[in-house]
Amino acid sequence: MNETTIMLDPTSEQEPSQRQLLPRPESLDGLTVGLLDISKPRGDVFLDQLDALLSGKGITVKRYMKPTFARVAPVDLQQQIANEVDVMVEGLAD
């Protein structure tokens, strides 16, 4: 599969980025799933449910939280996530 997705950065992007989609894992068995709360109201409610569902299936879950939804995640948090998990879910809410 060779798909390209256009992603727009709402923070101040001048030109759209083009990136190829990464292949999805066939299974989450043996992988660590990261859950990122972007600090919007009730995002934790969704992520709590997802955490319980994944953990109940024996999948390792790590939780993270951005300091504010108004800015991109700090570089140190991005690096920590990249080093600690195999796949990521970002929780949005309102």
PDB file of N, CA and C in Angstrom:
ATOM      1  N   MET A   1       0.844  -1.164   0.000  1.00  0.00           N
ATOM      2  CA  MET A   1       0.000   0.000   0.000  1.00  0.00           C
ATOM      3  C   MET A   1       0.899   1.240   0.000  1.00  0.00           C
ATOM      4  N   ASN A   2       0.693   2.129  -0.918  1.00  0.00           N
ATOM      5  CA  ASN A   2       1.537   3.302  -1.051  1.00  0.00           C
ATOM      6  C   ASN A   2       0.644   4.538  -1.069  1.00  0.00           C
ATOM      7  N   GLU A   3       0.096   4.886   0.091  1.00  0.00           N
ATOM      8  CA  GLU A   3      -0.816   6.015   0.193  1.00  0.00           C
ATOM      9  C   GLU A   3      -0.096   7.223   0.765  1.00  0.00           C
ATOM     10  N   THR A   4      -0.508   8.401   0.366  1.00  0.00           N
ATOM     11  CA  THR A   4       0.005   9.636   0.928  1.00  0.00           C
ATOM     12  C   THR A   4      -1.166  10.387   1.544  1.00  0.00           C
ATOM     13  N   THR A   5      -0.956  10.900   2.720  1.00  0.00           N
ATOM     14  CA  THR A   5      -1.980  11.671   3.402  1.00  0.00           C
ATOM     15  C   THR A   5      -1.491  13.098   3.579  1.00  0.00           C
ATOM     16  N   ILE A   6      -2.335  14.062   3.328  1.00  0.00           N
ATOM     17  CA  ILE A   6      -1.982  15.454   3.576  1.00  0.00           C
ATOM     18  C   ILE A   6      -2.463  15.802   4.973  1.00  0.00           C
ATOM     19  N   MET A   7      -1.518  16.267   5.790  1.00  0.00           N
ATOM     20  CA  MET A   7      -1.834  16.643   7.167  1.00  0.00           C
ATOM     21  C   MET A   7      -1.596  18.139   7.319  1.00  0.00           C
ATOM     22  N   LEU A   8      -2.554  18.850   7.870  1.00  0.00           N
ATOM     23  CA  LEU A   8      -2.412  20.275   8.105  1.00  0.00           C
ATOM     24  C   LEU A   8      -2.145  20.518   9.585  1.00  0.00           C
ATOM     25  N   ASP A   9      -1.165  21.354   9.857  1.00  0.00           N
ATOM     26  CA  ASP A   9      -0.794  21.698  11.222  1.00  0.00           C
ATOM     27  C   ASP A   9      -1.514  22.990  11.597  1.00  0.00           C
ATOM     28  N   PRO A  10      -2.447  22.944  12.535  1.00  0.00           N
ATOM     29  CA  PRO A  10      -3.218  24.146  12.865  1.00  0.00           C
ATOM     30  C   PRO A  10      -2.419  25.208  13.620  1.00  0.00           C
ATOM     31  N   THR A  11      -1.175  24.922  13.980  1.00  0.00           N
ATOM     32  CA  THR A  11      -0.410  25.875  14.782  1.00  0.00           C
ATOM     33  C   THR A  11       0.140  27.031  13.965  1.00  0.00           C
ATOM     34  N   SER A  12       0.475  26.865  12.718  1.00  0.00           N
ATOM     35  CA  SER A  12       0.953  27.958  11.863  1.00  0.00           C
ATOM     36  C   SER A  12       1.588  27.425  10.591  1.00  0.00           C
ATOM     37  N   GLU A  13       1.129  26.318  10.127  1.00  0.00           N
ATOM     38  CA  GLU A  13       1.713  25.700   8.948  1.00  0.00           C
ATOM     39  C   GLU A  13       1.491  26.575   7.720  1.00  0.00           C
ATOM     40  N   GLN A  14       2.551  26.763   6.948  1.00  0.00           N
ATOM     41  CA  GLN A  14       2.472  27.566   5.733  1.00  0.00           C
ATOM     42  C   GLN A  14       2.202  26.710   4.501  1.00  0.00           C
ATOM     43  N   GLU A  15       2.717  25.485   4.500  1.00  0.00           N
ATOM     44  CA  GLU A  15       2.513  24.565   3.388  1.00  0.00           C
ATOM     45  C   GLU A  15       2.135  23.199   3.944  1.00  0.00           C
ATOM     46  N   PRO A  16       1.203  22.493   3.293  1.00  0.00           N
ATOM     47  CA  PRO A  16       0.829  21.167   3.789  1.00  0.00           C
ATOM     48  C   PRO A  16       1.999  20.186   3.728  1.00  0.00           C
ATOM     49  N   SER A  17       2.097  19.332   4.730  1.00  0.00           N
ATOM     50  CA  SER A  17       3.111  18.281   4.753  1.00  0.00           C
ATOM     51  C   SER A  17       2.568  17.055   4.051  1.00  0.00           C
ATOM     52  N   GLN A  18       3.427  16.363   3.332  1.00  0.00           N
ATOM     53  CA  GLN A  18       3.026  15.108   2.712  1.00  0.00           C
ATOM     54  C   GLN A  18       3.879  14.006   3.305  1.00  0.00           C
ATOM     55  N   ARG A  19       3.211  13.001   3.873  1.00  0.00           N
ATOM     56  CA  ARG A  19       3.901  11.881   4.498  1.00  0.00           C
ATOM     57  C   ARG A  19       3.214  10.596   4.086  1.00  0.00           C
ATOM     58  N   GLN A  20       4.005   9.563   3.896  1.00  0.00           N
ATOM     59  CA  GLN A  20       3.413   8.264   3.618  1.00  0.00           C
ATOM     60  C   GLN A  20       2.908   7.669   4.920  1.00  0.00           C
ATOM     61  N   LEU A  21       1.782   6.959   4.835  1.00  0.00           N
ATOM     62  CA  LEU A  21       1.256   6.268   6.003  1.00  0.00           C
ATOM     63  C   LEU A  21       2.187   5.127   6.387  1.00  0.00           C
ATOM     64  N   LEU A  22       2.414   4.958   7.676  1.00  0.00           N
ATOM     65  CA  LEU A  22       3.194   3.821   8.146  1.00  0.00           C
ATOM     66  C   LEU A  22       2.307   2.588   8.160  1.00  0.00           C
ATOM     67  N   PRO A  23       2.877   1.430   7.920  1.00  0.00           N
ATOM     68  CA  PRO A  23       2.052   0.220   7.955  1.00  0.00           C
ATOM     69  C   PRO A  23       1.535  -0.042   9.367  1.00  0.00           C
ATOM     70  N   ARG A  24       0.299  -0.469   9.465  1.00  0.00           N
ATOM     71  CA  ARG A  24      -0.281  -0.811  10.765  1.00  0.00           C
ATOM     72  C   ARG A  24       0.170  -2.203  11.170  1.00  0.00           C
ATOM     73  N   PRO A  25       0.393  -2.408  12.466  1.00  0.00           N
ATOM     74  CA  PRO A  25       0.756  -3.762  12.901  1.00  0.00           C
ATOM     75  C   PRO A  25      -0.432  -4.696  12.714  1.00  0.00           C
ATOM     76  N   GLU A  26      -0.139  -5.947  12.414  1.00  0.00           N
ATOM     77  CA  GLU A  26      -1.208  -6.932  12.251  1.00  0.00           C
ATOM     78  C   GLU A  26      -1.868  -7.244  13.584  1.00  0.00           C
ATOM     79  N   SER A  27      -1.122  -7.075  14.667  1.00  0.00           N
ATOM     80  CA  SER A  27      -1.625  -7.372  16.004  1.00  0.00           C
ATOM     81  C   SER A  27      -0.937  -6.448  17.000  1.00  0.00           C
ATOM     82  N   LEU A  28      -1.568  -6.223  18.135  1.00  0.00           N
ATOM     83  CA  LEU A  28      -0.945  -5.445  19.208  1.00  0.00           C
ATOM     84  C   LEU A  28      -0.236  -6.340  20.218  1.00  0.00           C
ATOM     85  N   ASP A  29      -0.334  -7.658  20.019  1.00  0.00           N
ATOM     86  CA  ASP A  29       0.316  -8.605  20.927  1.00  0.00           C
ATOM     87  C   ASP A  29       1.817  -8.322  20.984  1.00  0.00           C
ATOM     88  N   GLY A  30       2.337  -8.166  22.187  1.00  0.00           N
ATOM     89  CA  GLY A  30       3.760  -7.940  22.387  1.00  0.00           C
ATOM     90  C   GLY A  30       4.204  -6.503  22.160  1.00  0.00           C
ATOM     91  N   LEU A  31       3.276  -5.636  21.764  1.00  0.00           N
ATOM     92  CA  LEU A  31       3.619  -4.231  21.542  1.00  0.00           C
ATOM     93  C   LEU A  31       3.211  -3.387  22.741  1.00  0.00           C
ATOM     94  N   THR A  32       3.821  -2.230  22.869  1.00  0.00           N
ATOM     95  CA  THR A  32       3.425  -1.262  23.886  1.00  0.00           C
ATOM     96  C   THR A  32       2.652  -0.157  23.195  1.00  0.00           C
ATOM     97  N   VAL A  33       1.451   0.121  23.703  1.00  0.00           N
ATOM     98  CA  VAL A  33       0.576   1.141  23.136  1.00  0.00           C
ATOM     99  C   VAL A  33       0.656   2.390  24.008  1.00  0.00           C
ATOM    100  N   GLY A  34       0.925   3.523  23.394  1.00  0.00           N
ATOM    101  CA  GLY A  34       0.933   4.796  24.105  1.00  0.00           C
ATOM    102  C   GLY A  34      -0.403   5.486  23.947  1.00  0.00           C
ATOM    103  N   LEU A  35      -0.882   6.088  25.027  1.00  0.00           N
ATOM    104  CA  LEU A  35      -2.118   6.871  24.996  1.00  0.00           C
ATOM    105  C   LEU A  35      -1.761   8.298  25.394  1.00  0.00           C
ATOM    106  N   LEU A  36      -1.964   9.243  24.476  1.00  0.00           N
ATOM    107  CA  LEU A  36      -1.617  10.636  24.715  1.00  0.00           C
ATOM    108  C   LEU A  36      -2.870  11.460  24.954  1.00  0.00           C
ATOM    109  N   ASP A  37      -2.971  12.019  26.149  1.00  0.00           N
ATOM    110  CA  ASP A  37      -4.047  12.943  26.503  1.00  0.00           C
ATOM    111  C   ASP A  37      -3.562  14.336  26.128  1.00  0.00           C
ATOM    112  N   ILE A  38      -4.276  15.028  25.236  1.00  0.00           N
ATOM    113  CA  ILE A  38      -3.813  16.339  24.806  1.00  0.00           C
ATOM    114  C   ILE A  38      -4.283  17.457  25.745  1.00  0.00           C
ATOM    115  N   SER A  39      -4.889  17.091  26.860  1.00  0.00           N
ATOM    116  CA  SER A  39      -5.314  18.041  27.897  1.00  0.00           C
ATOM    117  C   SER A  39      -6.585  18.807  27.553  1.00  0.00           C
ATOM    118  N   LYS A  40      -7.425  18.237  26.699  1.00  0.00           N
ATOM    119  CA  LYS A  40      -8.740  18.833  26.468  1.00  0.00           C
ATOM    120  C   LYS A  40      -9.712  18.181  27.444  1.00  0.00           C
ATOM    121  N   PRO A  41     -10.749  18.899  27.836  1.00  0.00           N
ATOM    122  CA  PRO A  41     -11.714  18.343  28.779  1.00  0.00           C
ATOM    123  C   PRO A  41     -12.287  17.009  28.308  1.00  0.00           C
ATOM    124  N   ARG A  42     -12.326  16.057  29.198  1.00  0.00           N
ATOM    125  CA  ARG A  42     -12.913  14.723  29.032  1.00  0.00           C
ATOM    126  C   ARG A  42     -12.112  13.791  28.121  1.00  0.00           C
ATOM    127  N   GLY A  43     -10.963  14.223  27.640  1.00  0.00           N
ATOM    128  CA  GLY A  43     -10.115  13.327  26.862  1.00  0.00           C
ATOM    129  C   GLY A  43      -9.692  12.132  27.690  1.00  0.00           C
ATOM    130  N   ASP A  44      -9.489  12.367  28.984  1.00  0.00           N
ATOM    131  CA  ASP A  44      -9.086  11.285  29.887  1.00  0.00           C
ATOM    132  C   ASP A  44     -10.171  10.224  30.015  1.00  0.00           C
ATOM    133  N   VAL A  45     -11.431  10.612  29.868  1.00  0.00           N
ATOM    134  CA  VAL A  45     -12.538   9.656  29.975  1.00  0.00           C
ATOM    135  C   VAL A  45     -12.431   8.619  28.859  1.00  0.00           C
ATOM    136  N   PHE A  46     -12.211   9.087  27.642  1.00  0.00           N
ATOM    137  CA  PHE A  46     -12.034   8.186  26.504  1.00  0.00           C
ATOM    138  C   PHE A  46     -10.801   7.307  26.703  1.00  0.00           C
ATOM    139  N   LEU A  47      -9.689   7.930  27.088  1.00  0.00           N
ATOM    140  CA  LEU A  47      -8.442   7.177  27.233  1.00  0.00           C
ATOM    141  C   LEU A  47      -8.502   6.191  28.390  1.00  0.00           C
ATOM    142  N   ASP A  48      -9.226   6.515  29.467  1.00  0.00           N
ATOM    143  CA  ASP A  48      -9.401   5.563  30.568  1.00  0.00           C
ATOM    144  C   ASP A  48     -10.099   4.294  30.081  1.00  0.00           C
ATOM    145  N   GLN A  49     -11.130   4.472  29.262  1.00  0.00           N
ATOM    146  CA  GLN A  49     -11.866   3.329  28.723  1.00  0.00           C
ATOM    147  C   GLN A  49     -10.989   2.505  27.783  1.00  0.00           C
ATOM    148  N   LEU A  50     -10.238   3.183  26.945  1.00  0.00           N
ATOM    149  CA  LEU A  50      -9.344   2.489  26.017  1.00  0.00           C
ATOM    150  C   LEU A  50      -8.237   1.763  26.776  1.00  0.00           C
ATOM    151  N   ASP A  51      -7.698   2.394  27.801  1.00  0.00           N
ATOM    152  CA  ASP A  51      -6.669   1.780  28.644  1.00  0.00           C
ATOM    153  C   ASP A  51      -7.210   0.492  29.260  1.00  0.00           C
ATOM    154  N   ALA A  52      -8.412   0.547  29.817  1.00  0.00           N
ATOM    155  CA  ALA A  52      -9.016  -0.631  30.452  1.00  0.00           C
ATOM    156  C   ALA A  52      -9.236  -1.747  29.425  1.00  0.00           C
ATOM    157  N   LEU A  53      -9.707  -1.385  28.243  1.00  0.00           N
ATOM    158  CA  LEU A  53      -9.953  -2.372  27.190  1.00  0.00           C
ATOM    159  C   LEU A  53      -8.652  -3.057  26.763  1.00  0.00           C
ATOM    160  N   LEU A  54      -7.631  -2.260  26.490  1.00  0.00           N
ATOM    161  CA  LEU A  54      -6.355  -2.816  26.038  1.00  0.00           C
ATOM    162  C   LEU A  54      -5.668  -3.613  27.143  1.00  0.00           C
ATOM    163  N   SER A  55      -5.627  -3.058  28.343  1.00  0.00           N
ATOM    164  CA  SER A  55      -4.997  -3.747  29.475  1.00  0.00           C
ATOM    165  C   SER A  55      -5.704  -5.057  29.773  1.00  0.00           C
ATOM    166  N   GLY A  56      -7.026  -5.066  29.624  1.00  0.00           N
ATOM    167  CA  GLY A  56      -7.810  -6.278  29.839  1.00  0.00           C
ATOM    168  C   GLY A  56      -7.476  -7.382  28.850  1.00  0.00           C
ATOM    169  N   LYS A  57      -6.903  -7.008  27.724  1.00  0.00           N
ATOM    170  CA  LYS A  57      -6.488  -7.993  26.716  1.00  0.00           C
ATOM    171  C   LYS A  57      -5.007  -8.341  26.857  1.00  0.00           C
ATOM    172  N   GLY A  58      -4.379  -7.843  27.935  1.00  0.00           N
ATOM    173  CA  GLY A  58      -2.979  -8.155  28.187  1.00  0.00           C
ATOM    174  C   GLY A  58      -1.994  -7.291  27.422  1.00  0.00           C
ATOM    175  N   ILE A  59      -2.463  -6.195  26.864  1.00  0.00           N
ATOM    176  CA  ILE A  59      -1.595  -5.297  26.092  1.00  0.00           C
ATOM    177  C   ILE A  59      -0.993  -4.264  27.039  1.00  0.00           C
ATOM    178  N   THR A  60       0.299  -4.036  26.903  1.00  0.00           N
ATOM    179  CA  THR A  60       0.988  -3.047  27.726  1.00  0.00           C
ATOM    180  C   THR A  60       0.619  -1.649  27.254  1.00  0.00           C
ATOM    181  N   VAL A  61       0.211  -0.799  28.210  1.00  0.00           N
ATOM    182  CA  VAL A  61      -0.225   0.565  27.904  1.00  0.00           C
ATOM    183  C   VAL A  61       0.611   1.547  28.721  1.00  0.00           C
ATOM    184  N   LYS A  62       1.043   2.634  28.081  1.00  0.00           N
ATOM    185  CA  LYS A  62       1.722   3.732  28.771  1.00  0.00           C
ATOM    186  C   LYS A  62       0.926   4.999  28.501  1.00  0.00           C
ATOM    187  N   ARG A  63       0.751   5.804  29.541  1.00  0.00           N
ATOM    188  CA  ARG A  63      -0.044   7.027  29.432  1.00  0.00           C
ATOM    189  C   ARG A  63       0.862   8.250  29.436  1.00  0.00           C
ATOM    190  N   TYR A  64       0.464   9.246  28.652  1.00  0.00           N
ATOM    191  CA  TYR A  64       1.186  10.509  28.554  1.00  0.00           C
ATOM    192  C   TYR A  64       0.171  11.645  28.511  1.00  0.00           C
ATOM    193  N   MET A  65       0.625  12.863  28.879  1.00  0.00           N
ATOM    194  CA  MET A  65      -0.256  14.019  28.825  1.00  0.00           C
ATOM    195  C   MET A  65       0.525  15.253  28.383  1.00  0.00           C
ATOM    196  N   LYS A  66      -0.034  15.956  27.412  1.00  0.00           N
ATOM    197  CA  LYS A  66       0.554  17.230  27.007  1.00  0.00           C
ATOM    198  C   LYS A  66       0.233  18.266  28.075  1.00  0.00           C
ATOM    199  N   PRO A  67       1.114  19.251  28.267  1.00  0.00           N
ATOM    200  CA  PRO A  67       0.818  20.291  29.250  1.00  0.00           C
ATOM    201  C   PRO A  67      -0.378  21.156  28.852  1.00  0.00           C
ATOM    202  N   THR A  68      -0.606  21.334  27.562  1.00  0.00           N
ATOM    203  CA  THR A  68      -1.730  22.129  27.076  1.00  0.00           C
ATOM    204  C   THR A  68      -2.108  21.678  25.670  1.00  0.00           C
ATOM    205  N   PHE A  69      -3.385  21.764  25.343  1.00  0.00           N
ATOM    206  CA  PHE A  69      -3.816  21.384  23.999  1.00  0.00           C
ATOM    207  C   PHE A  69      -3.497  22.474  22.984  1.00  0.00           C
ATOM    208  N   ALA A  70      -3.153  23.663  23.460  1.00  0.00           N
ATOM    209  CA  ALA A  70      -2.941  24.804  22.569  1.00  0.00           C
ATOM    210  C   ALA A  70      -1.595  24.775  21.844  1.00  0.00           C
ATOM    211  N   ARG A  71      -0.717  23.881  22.237  1.00  0.00           N
ATOM    212  CA  ARG A  71       0.609  23.818  21.614  1.00  0.00           C
ATOM    213  C   ARG A  71       0.968  22.363  21.303  1.00  0.00           C
ATOM    214  N   VAL A  72       1.915  22.198  20.401  1.00  0.00           N
ATOM    215  CA  VAL A  72       2.394  20.848  20.117  1.00  0.00           C
ATOM    216  C   VAL A  72       3.076  20.302  21.366  1.00  0.00           C
ATOM    217  N   ALA A  73       3.180  19.002  21.444  1.00  0.00           N
ATOM    218  CA  ALA A  73       3.844  18.366  22.587  1.00  0.00           C
ATOM    219  C   ALA A  73       5.304  18.819  22.641  1.00  0.00           C
ATOM    220  N   PRO A  74       5.833  19.062  23.831  1.00  0.00           N
ATOM    221  CA  PRO A  74       7.237  19.443  23.955  1.00  0.00           C
ATOM    222  C   PRO A  74       8.139  18.353  23.365  1.00  0.00           C
ATOM    223  N   VAL A  75       9.276  18.759  22.844  1.00  0.00           N
ATOM    224  CA  VAL A  75      10.194  17.840  22.188  1.00  0.00           C
ATOM    225  C   VAL A  75      10.597  16.702  23.118  1.00  0.00           C
ATOM    226  N   ASP A  76      10.857  17.002  24.394  1.00  0.00           N
ATOM    227  CA  ASP A  76      11.258  15.930  25.316  1.00  0.00           C
ATOM    228  C   ASP A  76      10.154  14.899  25.491  1.00  0.00           C
ATOM    229  N   LEU A  77       8.888  15.329  25.490  1.00  0.00           N
ATOM    230  CA  LEU A  77       7.774  14.386  25.580  1.00  0.00           C
ATOM    231  C   LEU A  77       7.677  13.569  24.291  1.00  0.00           C
ATOM    232  N   GLN A  78       7.830  14.205  23.147  1.00  0.00           N
ATOM    233  CA  GLN A  78       7.806  13.487  21.874  1.00  0.00           C
ATOM    234  C   GLN A  78       8.894  12.417  21.830  1.00  0.00           C
ATOM    235  N   GLN A  79      10.075  12.765  22.291  1.00  0.00           N
ATOM    236  CA  GLN A  79      11.192  11.809  22.290  1.00  0.00           C
ATOM    237  C   GLN A  79      10.933  10.658  23.262  1.00  0.00           C
ATOM    238  N   GLN A  80      10.391  10.978  24.429  1.00  0.00           N
ATOM    239  CA  GLN A  80      10.074   9.935  25.413  1.00  0.00           C
ATOM    240  C   GLN A  80       9.082   8.943  24.817  1.00  0.00           C
ATOM    241  N   ILE A  81       8.031   9.456  24.203  1.00  0.00           N
ATOM    242  CA  ILE A  81       7.016   8.591  23.599  1.00  0.00           C
ATOM    243  C   ILE A  81       7.639   7.726  22.504  1.00  0.00           C
ATOM    244  N   ALA A  82       8.441   8.331  21.638  1.00  0.00           N
ATOM    245  CA  ALA A  82       9.064   7.586  20.534  1.00  0.00           C
ATOM    246  C   ALA A  82       9.962   6.469  21.055  1.00  0.00           C
ATOM    247  N   ASN A  83      10.580   6.675  22.199  1.00  0.00           N
ATOM    248  CA  ASN A  83      11.480   5.671  22.770  1.00  0.00           C
ATOM    249  C   ASN A  83      10.760   4.578  23.553  1.00  0.00           C
ATOM    250  N   GLU A  84       9.537   4.835  23.998  1.00  0.00           N
ATOM    251  CA  GLU A  84       8.878   3.920  24.924  1.00  0.00           C
ATOM    252  C   GLU A  84       7.734   3.093  24.337  1.00  0.00           C
ATOM    253  N   VAL A  85       7.174   3.505  23.202  1.00  0.00           N
ATOM    254  CA  VAL A  85       6.004   2.786  22.680  1.00  0.00           C
ATOM    255  C   VAL A  85       6.182   2.384  21.222  1.00  0.00           C
ATOM    256  N   ASP A  86       5.366   1.415  20.809  1.00  0.00           N
ATOM    257  CA  ASP A  86       5.392   0.942  19.425  1.00  0.00           C
ATOM    258  C   ASP A  86       4.314   1.606  18.576  1.00  0.00           C
ATOM    259  N   VAL A  87       3.151   1.862  19.179  1.00  0.00           N
ATOM    260  CA  VAL A  87       2.039   2.527  18.493  1.00  0.00           C
ATOM    261  C   VAL A  87       1.431   3.541  19.447  1.00  0.00           C
ATOM    262  N   MET A  88       0.737   4.525  18.872  1.00  0.00           N
ATOM    263  CA  MET A  88       0.235   5.639  19.671  1.00  0.00           C
ATOM    264  C   MET A  88      -1.213   5.945  19.341  1.00  0.00           C
ATOM    265  N   VAL A  89      -1.987   6.278  20.375  1.00  0.00           N
ATOM    266  CA  VAL A  89      -3.363   6.781  20.203  1.00  0.00           C
ATOM    267  C   VAL A  89      -3.409   8.130  20.886  1.00  0.00           C
ATOM    268  N   GLU A  90      -3.894   9.139  20.151  1.00  0.00           N
ATOM    269  CA  GLU A  90      -4.011  10.483  20.704  1.00  0.00           C
ATOM    270  C   GLU A  90      -5.484  10.724  21.001  1.00  0.00           C
ATOM    271  N   GLY A  91      -5.792  11.083  22.253  1.00  0.00           N
ATOM    272  CA  GLY A  91      -7.180  11.267  22.661  1.00  0.00           C
ATOM    273  C   GLY A  91      -7.614  12.708  22.532  1.00  0.00           C
ATOM    274  N   LEU A  92      -8.636  12.952  21.718  1.00  0.00           N
ATOM    275  CA  LEU A  92      -9.215  14.280  21.558  1.00  0.00           C
ATOM    276  C   LEU A  92     -10.607  14.266  22.158  1.00  0.00           C
ATOM    277  N   ALA A  93     -11.021  15.373  22.720  1.00  0.00           N
ATOM    278  CA  ALA A  93     -12.369  15.443  23.289  1.00  0.00           C
ATOM    279  C   ALA A  93     -12.799  16.880  23.428  1.00  0.00           C
ATOM    280  N   ASP A  94     -13.981  17.081  23.901  1.00  0.00           N
ATOM    281  CA  ASP A  94     -14.564  18.378  24.237  1.00  0.00           C
ATOM    282  C   ASP A  94     -16.018  18.184  24.539  1.00  0.00           C
TER     283      ASP A  94
END
